[in-house]
């Protein structure tokens, strides 16, 4: 059992390292620096926006009760 696990590891390890090398090369070619940068589109929740969202949810609730 130990021999078969050793053979399995010996056959998989070079493939894993080769794939990691290819992935690292591909990411570097695309400008990956190790960070994921996102564009922040945060907007403060105004009272009007919250009121509109609440009204929409209320309409959906009333419609679901009326239909079902």
C-alpha atoms as a PDB file:
ATOM      1  CA  UNK A   1       0.000   0.000   0.000  1.00  0.00           C
ATOM      2  CA  UNK A   2       2.794   2.411   0.882  1.00  0.00           C
ATOM      3  CA  UNK A   3       4.571   1.602  -2.375  1.00  0.00           C
ATOM      4  CA  UNK A   4       1.450   2.252  -4.462  1.00  0.00           C
ATOM      5  CA  UNK A   5       0.841   5.587  -2.686  1.00  0.00           C
ATOM      6  CA  UNK A   6       4.462   6.537  -3.282  1.00  0.00           C
ATOM      7  CA  UNK A   7       4.179   5.686  -6.971  1.00  0.00           C
ATOM      8  CA  UNK A   8       0.976   7.691  -7.238  1.00  0.00           C
ATOM      9  CA  UNK A   9       2.596  10.697  -5.609  1.00  0.00           C
ATOM     10  CA  UNK A  10       5.706  10.337  -7.757  1.00  0.00           C
ATOM     11  CA  UNK A  11       3.614  10.356 -10.930  1.00  0.00           C
ATOM     12  CA  UNK A  12       1.337  13.243  -9.909  1.00  0.00           C
ATOM     13  CA  UNK A  13       3.838  15.632  -8.344  1.00  0.00           C
ATOM     14  CA  UNK A  14       5.684  16.597 -11.572  1.00  0.00           C
ATOM     15  CA  UNK A  15       2.363  17.176 -13.334  1.00  0.00           C
ATOM     16  CA  UNK A  16       1.126  19.387 -10.495  1.00  0.00           C
ATOM     17  CA  UNK A  17       4.291  21.495 -10.558  1.00  0.00           C
ATOM     18  CA  UNK A  18       4.198  21.784 -14.363  1.00  0.00           C
ATOM     19  CA  UNK A  19       0.595  22.941 -14.281  1.00  0.00           C
ATOM     20  CA  UNK A  20       1.358  25.454 -11.527  1.00  0.00           C
ATOM     21  CA  UNK A  21       4.259  26.811 -13.594  1.00  0.00           C
ATOM     22  CA  UNK A  22       2.049  27.167 -16.687  1.00  0.00           C
ATOM     23  CA  UNK A  23      -0.659  28.871 -14.645  1.00  0.00           C
ATOM     24  CA  UNK A  24       1.840  31.272 -13.086  1.00  0.00           C
ATOM     25  CA  UNK A  25       3.253  32.137 -16.514  1.00  0.00           C
ATOM     26  CA  UNK A  26      -0.211  32.712 -17.946  1.00  0.00           C
ATOM     27  CA  UNK A  27      -1.291  34.914 -15.050  1.00  0.00           C
ATOM     28  CA  UNK A  28       1.932  36.941 -15.239  1.00  0.00           C
ATOM     29  CA  UNK A  29       1.358  37.456 -18.971  1.00  0.00           C
ATOM     30  CA  UNK A  30      -2.050  38.919 -18.148  1.00  0.00           C
ATOM     31  CA  UNK A  31      -0.628  41.291 -15.567  1.00  0.00           C
ATOM     32  CA  UNK A  32      -1.703  39.481 -12.417  1.00  0.00           C
ATOM     33  CA  UNK A  33       0.178  40.846  -9.428  1.00  0.00           C
ATOM     34  CA  UNK A  34      -1.319  38.729  -6.681  1.00  0.00           C
ATOM     35  CA  UNK A  35      -4.125  41.140  -5.810  1.00  0.00           C
ATOM     36  CA  UNK A  36      -7.711  41.230  -6.969  1.00  0.00           C
ATOM     37  CA  UNK A  37      -8.693  44.842  -7.531  1.00  0.00           C
ATOM     38  CA  UNK A  38     -12.345  45.772  -7.798  1.00  0.00           C
ATOM     39  CA  UNK A  39     -13.985  49.018  -8.746  1.00  0.00           C
ATOM     40  CA  UNK A  40     -15.932  50.190  -5.755  1.00  0.00           C
ATOM     41  CA  UNK A  41     -19.390  51.476  -6.614  1.00  0.00           C
ATOM     42  CA  UNK A  42     -20.672  52.141  -3.146  1.00  0.00           C
ATOM     43  CA  UNK A  43     -23.520  54.576  -2.823  1.00  0.00           C
ATOM     44  CA  UNK A  44     -24.915  55.694   0.484  1.00  0.00           C
ATOM     45  CA  UNK A  45     -28.394  54.388   1.226  1.00  0.00           C
ATOM     46  CA  UNK A  46     -30.625  57.425   1.141  1.00  0.00           C
ATOM     47  CA  UNK A  47     -34.032  57.466   2.769  1.00  0.00           C
ATOM     48  CA  UNK A  48     -35.761  57.812  -0.583  1.00  0.00           C
ATOM     49  CA  UNK A  49     -33.951  54.796  -2.012  1.00  0.00           C
ATOM     50  CA  UNK A  50     -34.842  52.705   1.027  1.00  0.00           C
ATOM     51  CA  UNK A  51     -38.451  53.865   0.796  1.00  0.00           C
ATOM     52  CA  UNK A  52     -38.639  52.907  -2.895  1.00  0.00           C
ATOM     53  CA  UNK A  53     -37.152  49.472  -2.213  1.00  0.00           C
ATOM     54  CA  UNK A  54     -39.567  48.962   0.666  1.00  0.00           C
ATOM     55  CA  UNK A  55     -42.535  49.958  -1.478  1.00  0.00           C
ATOM     56  CA  UNK A  56     -41.486  47.587  -4.254  1.00  0.00           C
ATOM     57  CA  UNK A  57     -41.153  44.739  -1.762  1.00  0.00           C
ATOM     58  CA  UNK A  58     -44.551  45.603  -0.298  1.00  0.00           C
ATOM     59  CA  UNK A  59     -46.152  45.565  -3.762  1.00  0.00           C
ATOM     60  CA  UNK A  60     -44.621  42.138  -4.481  1.00  0.00           C
ATOM     61  CA  UNK A  61     -45.829  40.834  -1.129  1.00  0.00           C
ATOM     62  CA  UNK A  62     -49.375  42.090  -1.684  1.00  0.00           C
ATOM     63  CA  UNK A  63     -49.428  40.686  -5.231  1.00  0.00           C
ATOM     64  CA  UNK A  64     -48.200  37.295  -4.041  1.00  0.00           C
ATOM     65  CA  UNK A  65     -50.924  37.182  -1.366  1.00  0.00           C
ATOM     66  CA  UNK A  66     -53.569  38.325  -3.852  1.00  0.00           C
ATOM     67  CA  UNK A  67     -52.592  35.806  -6.558  1.00  0.00           C
ATOM     68  CA  UNK A  68     -51.791  32.840  -4.311  1.00  0.00           C
END
